[in-house]
Structure formats: structure tokens, C-alpha cells
C-alpha atoms as a PDB file:
ATOM      1  CA  UNK A   1      95.023 198.181 103.503  1.00  0.00           C
ATOM      2  CA  UNK A   2      94.091 197.038 100.021  1.00  0.00           C
ATOM      3  CA  UNK A   3      90.600 195.777  99.586  1.00  0.00           C
ATOM      4  CA  UNK A   4      90.956 192.062  98.416  1.00  0.00           C
ATOM      5  CA  UNK A   5      88.664 192.358  95.918  1.00  0.00           C
ATOM      6  CA  UNK A   6      90.660 194.915  93.346  1.00  0.00           C
ATOM      7  CA  UNK A   7      93.932 192.458  94.020  1.00  0.00           C
ATOM      8  CA  UNK A   8      94.787 190.520  90.709  1.00  0.00           C
ATOM      9  CA  UNK A   9      94.801 186.686  90.676  1.00  0.00           C
ATOM     10  CA  UNK A  10      98.523 186.751  90.318  1.00  0.00           C
ATOM     11  CA  UNK A  11      98.652 189.133  93.839  1.00  0.00           C
ATOM     12  CA  UNK A  12      95.752 187.139  95.659  1.00  0.00           C
ATOM     13  CA  UNK A  13      97.568 183.429  94.773  1.00  0.00           C
ATOM     14  CA  UNK A  14     100.658 185.450  96.311  1.00  0.00           C
ATOM     15  CA  UNK A  15      99.363 186.614  98.874  1.00  0.00           C
ATOM     16  CA  UNK A  16      98.169 183.468 100.229  1.00  0.00           C
ATOM     17  CA  UNK A  17     101.445 181.382  99.541  1.00  0.00           C
ATOM     18  CA  UNK A  18     103.475 184.127 101.769  1.00  0.00           C
ATOM     19  CA  UNK A  19     100.850 183.689 104.978  1.00  0.00           C
ATOM     20  CA  UNK A  20     101.484 180.273 104.661  1.00  0.00           C
ATOM     21  CA  UNK A  21     105.110 181.007 104.471  1.00  0.00           C
ATOM     22  CA  UNK A  22     104.579 183.281 107.951  1.00  0.00           C
ATOM     23  CA  UNK A  23     102.125 181.063 109.479  1.00  0.00           C
ATOM     24  CA  UNK A  24     105.120 178.752 109.865  1.00  0.00           C
ATOM     25  CA  UNK A  25     102.750 175.855 109.505  1.00  0.00           C
ATOM     26  CA  UNK A  26     103.382 172.892 106.909  1.00  0.00           C
ATOM     27  CA  UNK A  27     100.196 171.795 106.446  1.00  0.00           C
ATOM     28  CA  UNK A  28      98.975 175.800 105.542  1.00  0.00           C
ATOM     29  CA  UNK A  29     101.810 176.077 102.803  1.00  0.00           C
ATOM     30  CA  UNK A  30     101.152 172.638 101.100  1.00  0.00           C
ATOM     31  CA  UNK A  31      97.849 173.232 100.926  1.00  0.00           C
ATOM     32  CA  UNK A  32      98.509 177.064  99.512  1.00  0.00           C
ATOM     33  CA  UNK A  33     101.241 175.483  96.889  1.00  0.00           C
ATOM     34  CA  UNK A  34      98.419 174.047  94.861  1.00  0.00           C
ATOM     35  CA  UNK A  35      97.035 176.096  92.288  1.00  0.00           C
ATOM     36  CA  UNK A  36      93.322 176.583  91.906  1.00  0.00           C
ATOM     37  CA  UNK A  37      92.893 174.203  88.431  1.00  0.00           C
ATOM     38  CA  UNK A  38      90.375 176.733  86.514  1.00  0.00           C
ATOM     39  CA  UNK A  39      92.711 179.661  86.902  1.00  0.00           C
ATOM     40  CA  UNK A  40      94.787 179.007  84.229  1.00  0.00           C
ATOM     41  CA  UNK A  41      91.539 178.751  82.090  1.00  0.00           C
ATOM     42  CA  UNK A  42      90.570 182.154  82.934  1.00  0.00           C
ATOM     43  CA  UNK A  43      91.201 184.611  80.070  1.00  0.00           C
ATOM     44  CA  UNK A  44      93.487 186.917  81.502  1.00  0.00           C
ATOM     45  CA  UNK A  45      95.949 189.697  79.532  1.00  0.00           C
ATOM     46  CA  UNK A  46      99.783 188.111  79.031  1.00  0.00           C
ATOM     47  CA  UNK A  47     101.055 190.330  81.443  1.00  0.00           C
ATOM     48  CA  UNK A  48      98.859 189.071  84.047  1.00  0.00           C
ATOM     49  CA  UNK A  49      99.553 184.654  82.781  1.00  0.00           C
ATOM     50  CA  UNK A  50     103.279 186.058  83.422  1.00  0.00           C
ATOM     51  CA  UNK A  51     102.460 187.059  86.732  1.00  0.00           C
ATOM     52  CA  UNK A  52     100.737 184.017  87.488  1.00  0.00           C
ATOM     53  CA  UNK A  53     103.541 181.938  85.796  1.00  0.00           C
ATOM     54  CA  UNK A  54     106.319 183.764  88.433  1.00  0.00           C
ATOM     55  CA  UNK A  55     104.215 182.989  91.019  1.00  0.00           C
ATOM     56  CA  UNK A  56     103.897 179.474  90.118  1.00  0.00           C
ATOM     57  CA  UNK A  57     107.605 179.052  89.349  1.00  0.00           C
ATOM     58  CA  UNK A  58     108.243 180.250  93.048  1.00  0.00           C
ATOM     59  CA  UNK A  59     105.722 177.923  94.696  1.00  0.00           C
ATOM     60  CA  UNK A  60     107.512 175.140  93.139  1.00  0.00           C
ATOM     61  CA  UNK A  61     110.868 175.871  94.127  1.00  0.00           C
ATOM     62  CA  UNK A  62     109.362 176.044  97.487  1.00  0.00           C
ATOM     63  CA  UNK A  63     108.013 172.630  97.225  1.00  0.00           C
ATOM     64  CA  UNK A  64     111.011 171.320  96.145  1.00  0.00           C
ATOM     65  CA  UNK A  65     112.739 173.385  98.791  1.00  0.00           C
ATOM     66  CA  UNK A  66     110.540 171.320 101.577  1.00  0.00           C
ATOM     67  CA  UNK A  67     110.816 167.850  99.994  1.00  0.00           C
ATOM     68  CA  UNK A  68     114.399 168.711 100.470  1.00  0.00           C
ATOM     69  CA  UNK A  69     115.593 168.273  96.572  1.00  0.00           C
ATOM     70  CA  UNK A  70     116.239 172.123  96.451  1.00  0.00           C
ATOM     71  CA  UNK A  71     119.913 172.488  95.429  1.00  0.00           C
ATOM     72  CA  UNK A  72     119.871 176.718  95.502  1.00  0.00           C
ATOM     73  CA  UNK A  73     121.099 178.559  98.577  1.00  0.00           C
ATOM     74  CA  UNK A  74     119.669 180.486 100.754  1.00  0.00           C
ATOM     75  CA  UNK A  75     119.986 183.785  98.669  1.00  0.00           C
ATOM     76  CA  UNK A  76     118.230 181.723  96.121  1.00  0.00           C
ATOM     77  CA  UNK A  77     114.909 180.956  98.367  1.00  0.00           C
ATOM     78  CA  UNK A  78     115.184 185.425  99.698  1.00  0.00           C
ATOM     79  CA  UNK A  79     115.372 186.524  96.684  1.00  0.00           C
ATOM     80  CA  UNK A  80     112.272 184.083  95.608  1.00  0.00           C
ATOM     81  CA  UNK A  81     110.758 185.018  98.899  1.00  0.00           C
ATOM     82  CA  UNK A  82     111.487 189.378  97.818  1.00  0.00           C
ATOM     83  CA  UNK A  83     110.024 188.914  94.190  1.00  0.00           C
ATOM     84  CA  UNK A  84     106.787 186.747  95.667  1.00  0.00           C
ATOM     85  CA  UNK A  85     106.591 190.142  97.772  1.00  0.00           C
ATOM     86  CA  UNK A  86     106.608 191.845  94.586  1.00  0.00           C
ATOM     87  CA  UNK A  87     104.046 190.300  93.236  1.00  0.00           C
ATOM     88  CA  UNK A  88     101.376 190.361  96.108  1.00  0.00           C
ATOM     89  CA  UNK A  89     102.149 194.107  96.242  1.00  0.00           C
ATOM     90  CA  UNK A  90     102.807 193.704 100.058  1.00  0.00           C
ATOM     91  CA  UNK A  91     105.687 196.089  99.488  1.00  0.00           C
ATOM     92  CA  UNK A  92     103.838 199.272  99.406  1.00  0.00           C
ATOM     93  CA  UNK A  93     100.552 198.054 102.021  1.00  0.00           C
ATOM     94  CA  UNK A  94     101.294 195.025 104.371  1.00  0.00           C
ATOM     95  CA  UNK A  95     105.122 195.767 105.387  1.00  0.00           C
ATOM     96  CA  UNK A  96     104.548 195.215 108.373  1.00  0.00           C
ATOM     97  CA  UNK A  97     102.972 192.493 108.048  1.00  0.00           C
ATOM     98  CA  UNK A  98     105.342 190.464 105.691  1.00  0.00           C
ATOM     99  CA  UNK A  99     109.026 189.594 106.581  1.00  0.00           C
ATOM    100  CA  UNK A 100     111.764 192.437 106.252  1.00  0.00           C
ATOM    101  CA  UNK A 101     114.352 192.018 103.501  1.00  0.00           C
ATOM    102  CA  UNK A 102     117.258 190.877 106.156  1.00  0.00           C
ATOM    103  CA  UNK A 103     115.194 188.306 107.628  1.00  0.00           C
ATOM    104  CA  UNK A 104     113.088 186.163 105.364  1.00  0.00           C
ATOM    105  CA  UNK A 105     112.859 183.183 107.140  1.00  0.00           C
ATOM    106  CA  UNK A 106     110.178 181.411 107.979  1.00  0.00           C
ATOM    107  CA  UNK A 107     109.797 178.682 111.806  1.00  0.00           C
ATOM    108  CA  UNK A 108     109.426 176.218 108.641  1.00  0.00           C
ATOM    109  CA  UNK A 109     113.529 176.902 107.735  1.00  0.00           C
ATOM    110  CA  UNK A 110     114.689 176.263 111.069  1.00  0.00           C
END
């Protein structure tokens, strides 16, 4: 398993979101959706800032979905979760812990 200290800010945040999504615990997911204020102020390479922006957009989509305001299809949600797994670098080291491509549903989807 990848050492958590070697992960980038975007990878840690993406993994936190995935773990919360997979837990099915609404409170944990809502907590994970909150981006730490100080994280954006850090001096980061532009590529990392772009990855952080993508994770934040996905978090925003999940937040809207939880509020029932998301008009996107289930396929859009699945694509967002696949992208989140990619940004978390989970596709190579943590496949057994995360959802496979055929099942991107959390207990929260029920």
C-alpha cells in the first residue's frame, strides 16, 4: 500500500472522499466534502492545483446530489467517481478497497 506521507494533497483529499462514499455514512461523507481552508493557500505546482480543482468539482457534484439538486444522470455520477478513484491513485494499489467499475453505488444511493 502507498505510504500516506508520499501522497499529494489532491490524492489525500480524493481518498478521503472515496472512503467516506464507500462507508455509506452520510455524516462522514458530509464531513469529507468540506475542503480545508488552508489547503488552497499552499504554494503548489500548477498541475497539483488543477487536480485539486477537479476533486473540488467532484465534491461539489456529490454535495448537489446529496441535496437532491443534481439533475445529472447516474452515468455522470459514476464517471465522477471513476475520475475521483483515478485522482486518488487507487486504480493501481487499492482496487480491492474501492468499488469496481461495474458498481459505483454507495449505500447512500439506495
